[in-house]
N, C-alpha and C. Protein backbone atom coordinates (compact mmCIF):
# COMPACT_ATOMS: atom_id res chain seq x y z
N MET A 1 -62.99 -144.96 -33.93
CA MET A 1 -64.05 -145.71 -33.30
C MET A 1 -63.45 -147.02 -32.80
N ARG A 2 -63.86 -147.44 -31.65
CA ARG A 2 -63.35 -148.69 -31.08
C ARG A 2 -63.98 -149.89 -31.78
N PRO A 3 -63.20 -150.95 -32.03
CA PRO A 3 -63.74 -152.12 -32.72
C PRO A 3 -64.86 -152.81 -31.97
N ASP A 4 -64.89 -152.71 -30.66
CA ASP A 4 -65.92 -153.42 -29.88
C ASP A 4 -67.14 -152.55 -29.56
N SER A 5 -67.25 -151.40 -30.21
CA SER A 5 -68.35 -150.49 -29.87
C SER A 5 -69.69 -150.91 -30.48
N GLY A 6 -69.65 -151.78 -31.49
CA GLY A 6 -70.90 -152.22 -32.09
C GLY A 6 -71.45 -151.26 -33.13
N ARG A 7 -70.75 -150.18 -33.40
CA ARG A 7 -71.21 -149.22 -34.40
C ARG A 7 -70.31 -149.32 -35.62
N SER A 8 -70.85 -149.10 -36.76
CA SER A 8 -70.08 -149.25 -37.99
C SER A 8 -69.23 -148.02 -38.28
N GLY A 9 -69.47 -146.94 -37.62
CA GLY A 9 -68.74 -145.71 -37.90
C GLY A 9 -69.49 -144.79 -38.85
N PHE A 10 -70.56 -145.27 -39.46
CA PHE A 10 -71.35 -144.43 -40.35
C PHE A 10 -72.51 -143.82 -39.57
N ARG A 11 -72.72 -142.55 -39.81
CA ARG A 11 -73.86 -141.89 -39.14
C ARG A 11 -75.13 -142.25 -39.89
N GLN A 12 -76.14 -142.47 -39.13
CA GLN A 12 -77.43 -142.78 -39.74
C GLN A 12 -77.99 -141.50 -40.36
N ARG A 13 -78.45 -141.60 -41.59
CA ARG A 13 -78.99 -140.43 -42.28
C ARG A 13 -80.34 -140.06 -41.67
N ARG A 14 -80.49 -138.79 -41.39
CA ARG A 14 -81.77 -138.31 -40.86
C ARG A 14 -82.77 -138.19 -41.99
N THR A 15 -83.98 -138.52 -41.71
CA THR A 15 -85.03 -138.31 -42.70
C THR A 15 -85.37 -136.83 -42.70
N HIS A 16 -86.20 -136.44 -43.63
CA HIS A 16 -86.54 -135.03 -43.75
C HIS A 16 -87.67 -134.66 -42.80
N VAL A 17 -87.42 -134.78 -41.54
CA VAL A 17 -88.40 -134.41 -40.51
C VAL A 17 -87.99 -133.04 -39.99
N ARG A 18 -88.93 -132.13 -40.04
CA ARG A 18 -88.64 -130.78 -39.58
C ARG A 18 -89.37 -130.50 -38.28
N ARG A 19 -88.74 -129.68 -37.49
CA ARG A 19 -89.41 -129.26 -36.26
C ARG A 19 -90.56 -128.33 -36.62
N PRO A 20 -91.65 -128.38 -35.87
CA PRO A 20 -92.78 -127.50 -36.17
C PRO A 20 -92.39 -126.04 -36.01
N VAL A 21 -92.99 -125.21 -36.84
CA VAL A 21 -92.75 -123.77 -36.79
C VAL A 21 -93.87 -123.15 -35.97
N HIS A 22 -93.50 -122.34 -35.01
CA HIS A 22 -94.50 -121.67 -34.17
C HIS A 22 -95.25 -120.66 -35.03
N PRO A 23 -96.60 -120.72 -35.06
CA PRO A 23 -97.38 -119.85 -35.94
C PRO A 23 -97.25 -118.36 -35.63
N ASP A 24 -96.87 -118.01 -34.40
CA ASP A 24 -96.75 -116.59 -34.05
C ASP A 24 -95.38 -116.01 -34.38
N SER A 25 -94.45 -116.85 -34.80
CA SER A 25 -93.12 -116.36 -35.14
C SER A 25 -93.15 -115.75 -36.54
N GLU A 26 -92.12 -115.00 -36.86
CA GLU A 26 -92.03 -114.40 -38.19
C GLU A 26 -92.00 -115.50 -39.26
N GLN A 27 -91.24 -116.55 -38.99
CA GLN A 27 -91.16 -117.67 -39.92
C GLN A 27 -92.52 -118.35 -40.06
N GLY A 28 -93.25 -118.47 -38.97
CA GLY A 28 -94.57 -119.08 -39.01
C GLY A 28 -95.55 -118.27 -39.83
N ARG A 29 -95.50 -116.95 -39.68
CA ARG A 29 -96.38 -116.08 -40.48
C ARG A 29 -96.02 -116.14 -41.96
N GLU A 30 -94.72 -116.17 -42.24
CA GLU A 30 -94.27 -116.26 -43.63
C GLU A 30 -94.69 -117.60 -44.23
N LEU A 31 -94.55 -118.67 -43.46
CA LEU A 31 -94.97 -119.99 -43.92
C LEU A 31 -96.47 -120.02 -44.20
N ALA A 32 -97.26 -119.43 -43.33
CA ALA A 32 -98.71 -119.40 -43.53
C ALA A 32 -99.06 -118.66 -44.82
N ALA A 33 -98.37 -117.56 -45.09
CA ALA A 33 -98.62 -116.79 -46.31
C ALA A 33 -98.25 -117.61 -47.55
N VAL A 34 -97.12 -118.30 -47.50
CA VAL A 34 -96.69 -119.11 -48.64
C VAL A 34 -97.67 -120.26 -48.87
N LEU A 35 -98.12 -120.91 -47.81
CA LEU A 35 -99.08 -122.01 -47.95
C LEU A 35 -100.41 -121.51 -48.51
N GLU A 36 -100.81 -120.31 -48.11
CA GLU A 36 -102.05 -119.73 -48.64
C GLU A 36 -101.91 -119.47 -50.14
N ARG A 37 -100.76 -118.93 -50.54
CA ARG A 37 -100.51 -118.67 -51.97
C ARG A 37 -100.45 -119.98 -52.75
N LEU A 38 -99.86 -121.02 -52.13
CA LEU A 38 -99.78 -122.33 -52.78
C LEU A 38 -101.17 -122.90 -53.03
N GLU A 39 -102.05 -122.75 -52.05
CA GLU A 39 -103.42 -123.24 -52.21
C GLU A 39 -104.13 -122.48 -53.32
N LEU A 40 -103.94 -121.17 -53.38
CA LEU A 40 -104.54 -120.36 -54.43
C LEU A 40 -104.01 -120.78 -55.80
N ALA A 41 -102.70 -121.01 -55.90
CA ALA A 41 -102.11 -121.45 -57.16
C ALA A 41 -102.68 -122.79 -57.60
N ALA A 42 -102.89 -123.70 -56.66
CA ALA A 42 -103.47 -125.00 -56.99
C ALA A 42 -104.89 -124.84 -57.52
N ASP A 43 -105.66 -123.96 -56.90
CA ASP A 43 -107.02 -123.69 -57.37
C ASP A 43 -107.00 -123.11 -58.78
N GLN A 44 -106.08 -122.17 -59.02
CA GLN A 44 -105.98 -121.55 -60.34
C GLN A 44 -105.56 -122.57 -61.39
N ALA A 45 -104.62 -123.44 -61.04
CA ALA A 45 -104.17 -124.47 -61.98
C ALA A 45 -105.33 -125.39 -62.35
N ALA A 46 -106.14 -125.76 -61.38
CA ALA A 46 -107.29 -126.61 -61.65
C ALA A 46 -108.28 -125.90 -62.56
N ALA A 47 -108.52 -124.61 -62.29
CA ALA A 47 -109.45 -123.84 -63.12
C ALA A 47 -108.94 -123.73 -64.55
N TRP A 48 -107.65 -123.48 -64.71
CA TRP A 48 -107.09 -123.39 -66.06
C TRP A 48 -107.14 -124.74 -66.76
N GLY A 49 -106.99 -125.82 -66.04
CA GLY A 49 -107.11 -127.15 -66.63
C GLY A 49 -108.50 -127.38 -67.19
N HIS A 50 -109.51 -126.97 -66.43
CA HIS A 50 -110.90 -127.09 -66.89
C HIS A 50 -111.13 -126.21 -68.11
N GLU A 51 -110.59 -124.99 -68.09
CA GLU A 51 -110.73 -124.07 -69.22
C GLU A 51 -110.05 -124.65 -70.46
N HIS A 52 -108.88 -125.21 -70.29
CA HIS A 52 -108.12 -125.80 -71.40
C HIS A 52 -108.94 -126.91 -72.07
N GLU A 53 -109.49 -127.80 -71.26
CA GLU A 53 -110.28 -128.90 -71.82
C GLU A 53 -111.56 -128.38 -72.47
N SER A 54 -112.17 -127.38 -71.88
CA SER A 54 -113.38 -126.80 -72.44
C SER A 54 -113.10 -126.19 -73.82
N LEU A 55 -111.97 -125.52 -73.95
CA LEU A 55 -111.61 -124.92 -75.24
C LEU A 55 -111.30 -125.99 -76.29
N VAL A 56 -110.70 -127.09 -75.87
CA VAL A 56 -110.45 -128.20 -76.80
C VAL A 56 -111.78 -128.72 -77.33
N ARG A 57 -112.74 -128.91 -76.44
CA ARG A 57 -114.06 -129.40 -76.86
C ARG A 57 -114.76 -128.40 -77.79
N GLN A 58 -114.68 -127.11 -77.45
CA GLN A 58 -115.31 -126.09 -78.29
C GLN A 58 -114.70 -126.07 -79.68
N ALA A 59 -113.37 -126.15 -79.76
CA ALA A 59 -112.70 -126.15 -81.06
C ALA A 59 -113.13 -127.34 -81.90
N PHE A 60 -113.25 -128.51 -81.26
CA PHE A 60 -113.68 -129.71 -81.98
C PHE A 60 -115.12 -129.56 -82.47
N GLU A 61 -115.98 -129.03 -81.61
CA GLU A 61 -117.39 -128.83 -81.98
C GLU A 61 -117.53 -127.83 -83.12
N LEU A 62 -116.58 -126.90 -83.23
CA LEU A 62 -116.61 -125.92 -84.31
C LEU A 62 -115.95 -126.44 -85.59
N GLY A 63 -115.49 -127.69 -85.57
CA GLY A 63 -114.99 -128.32 -86.78
C GLY A 63 -113.49 -128.41 -86.93
N ALA A 64 -112.73 -128.03 -85.94
CA ALA A 64 -111.27 -128.12 -86.05
C ALA A 64 -110.84 -129.58 -85.96
N PRO A 65 -109.90 -130.00 -86.83
CA PRO A 65 -109.39 -131.37 -86.72
C PRO A 65 -108.51 -131.53 -85.48
N GLN A 66 -108.43 -132.75 -85.00
CA GLN A 66 -107.69 -133.00 -83.75
C GLN A 66 -106.23 -132.59 -83.84
N HIS A 67 -105.59 -132.79 -85.00
CA HIS A 67 -104.18 -132.42 -85.11
C HIS A 67 -103.98 -130.91 -84.99
N GLN A 68 -104.94 -130.14 -85.48
CA GLN A 68 -104.85 -128.68 -85.37
C GLN A 68 -105.08 -128.24 -83.92
N ILE A 69 -106.05 -128.86 -83.28
CA ILE A 69 -106.31 -128.56 -81.87
C ILE A 69 -105.08 -128.89 -81.04
N ALA A 70 -104.48 -130.05 -81.30
CA ALA A 70 -103.30 -130.48 -80.54
C ALA A 70 -102.17 -129.47 -80.66
N ALA A 71 -101.95 -128.95 -81.84
CA ALA A 71 -100.87 -127.98 -82.04
C ALA A 71 -101.11 -126.71 -81.23
N HIS A 72 -102.33 -126.23 -81.21
CA HIS A 72 -102.64 -125.00 -80.47
C HIS A 72 -102.72 -125.24 -78.97
N ALA A 73 -103.16 -126.42 -78.57
CA ALA A 73 -103.27 -126.74 -77.15
C ALA A 73 -101.93 -127.18 -76.56
N GLN A 74 -100.96 -127.37 -77.44
CA GLN A 74 -99.61 -127.80 -77.05
C GLN A 74 -99.63 -129.13 -76.31
N VAL A 75 -100.39 -130.06 -76.87
CA VAL A 75 -100.46 -131.43 -76.35
C VAL A 75 -100.39 -132.38 -77.55
N ALA A 76 -100.19 -133.65 -77.27
CA ALA A 76 -100.20 -134.66 -78.33
C ALA A 76 -101.62 -134.87 -78.83
N GLN A 77 -101.73 -135.30 -80.09
CA GLN A 77 -103.05 -135.54 -80.65
C GLN A 77 -103.79 -136.63 -79.86
N SER A 78 -103.05 -137.59 -79.34
CA SER A 78 -103.69 -138.65 -78.54
C SER A 78 -104.31 -138.07 -77.27
N THR A 79 -103.71 -137.01 -76.73
CA THR A 79 -104.27 -136.35 -75.55
C THR A 79 -105.59 -135.68 -75.90
N VAL A 80 -105.64 -135.06 -77.07
CA VAL A 80 -106.89 -134.45 -77.54
C VAL A 80 -107.95 -135.53 -77.69
N SER A 81 -107.58 -136.66 -78.27
CA SER A 81 -108.53 -137.77 -78.43
C SER A 81 -109.08 -138.23 -77.09
N ARG A 82 -108.19 -138.36 -76.10
CA ARG A 82 -108.64 -138.79 -74.76
C ARG A 82 -109.56 -137.74 -74.14
N MET A 83 -109.23 -136.46 -74.31
CA MET A 83 -110.09 -135.40 -73.75
C MET A 83 -111.49 -135.48 -74.36
N LEU A 84 -111.53 -135.68 -75.68
CA LEU A 84 -112.83 -135.73 -76.35
C LEU A 84 -113.60 -137.00 -76.03
N ALA A 85 -112.91 -138.06 -75.69
CA ALA A 85 -113.57 -139.33 -75.37
C ALA A 85 -114.21 -139.32 -73.98
N ARG A 86 -113.73 -138.44 -73.12
CA ARG A 86 -114.32 -138.36 -71.78
C ARG A 86 -115.76 -137.90 -71.89
N GLU A 87 -116.58 -138.38 -70.99
CA GLU A 87 -117.99 -138.00 -71.03
C GLU A 87 -118.20 -136.56 -70.64
N SER A 88 -117.42 -136.10 -69.67
CA SER A 88 -117.53 -134.70 -69.25
C SER A 88 -116.17 -134.22 -68.81
N ALA A 89 -116.02 -132.92 -68.74
CA ALA A 89 -114.76 -132.33 -68.31
C ALA A 89 -114.51 -132.69 -66.85
N PRO A 90 -113.22 -132.88 -66.47
CA PRO A 90 -112.92 -133.23 -65.07
C PRO A 90 -113.27 -132.13 -64.10
């Protein structure tokens, strides 16, 4: 590189900007399918989260101590306490 060119010699790093994928291409159809599955997975994760908290509440109402619930729910006892302190399930 010439000293008077005004450039340092380092290439500027590109950000993670991708060119749009044409929806009618094979890649576009595959992308649409993956995004649809991703949305379904997000919905399922939210539903399981609600179910998890509901079961924590049911176990507590049936007399289980928080430490026992925490062990079965695979969360810290403080997490069980916070779940039970909420007015309603998220």
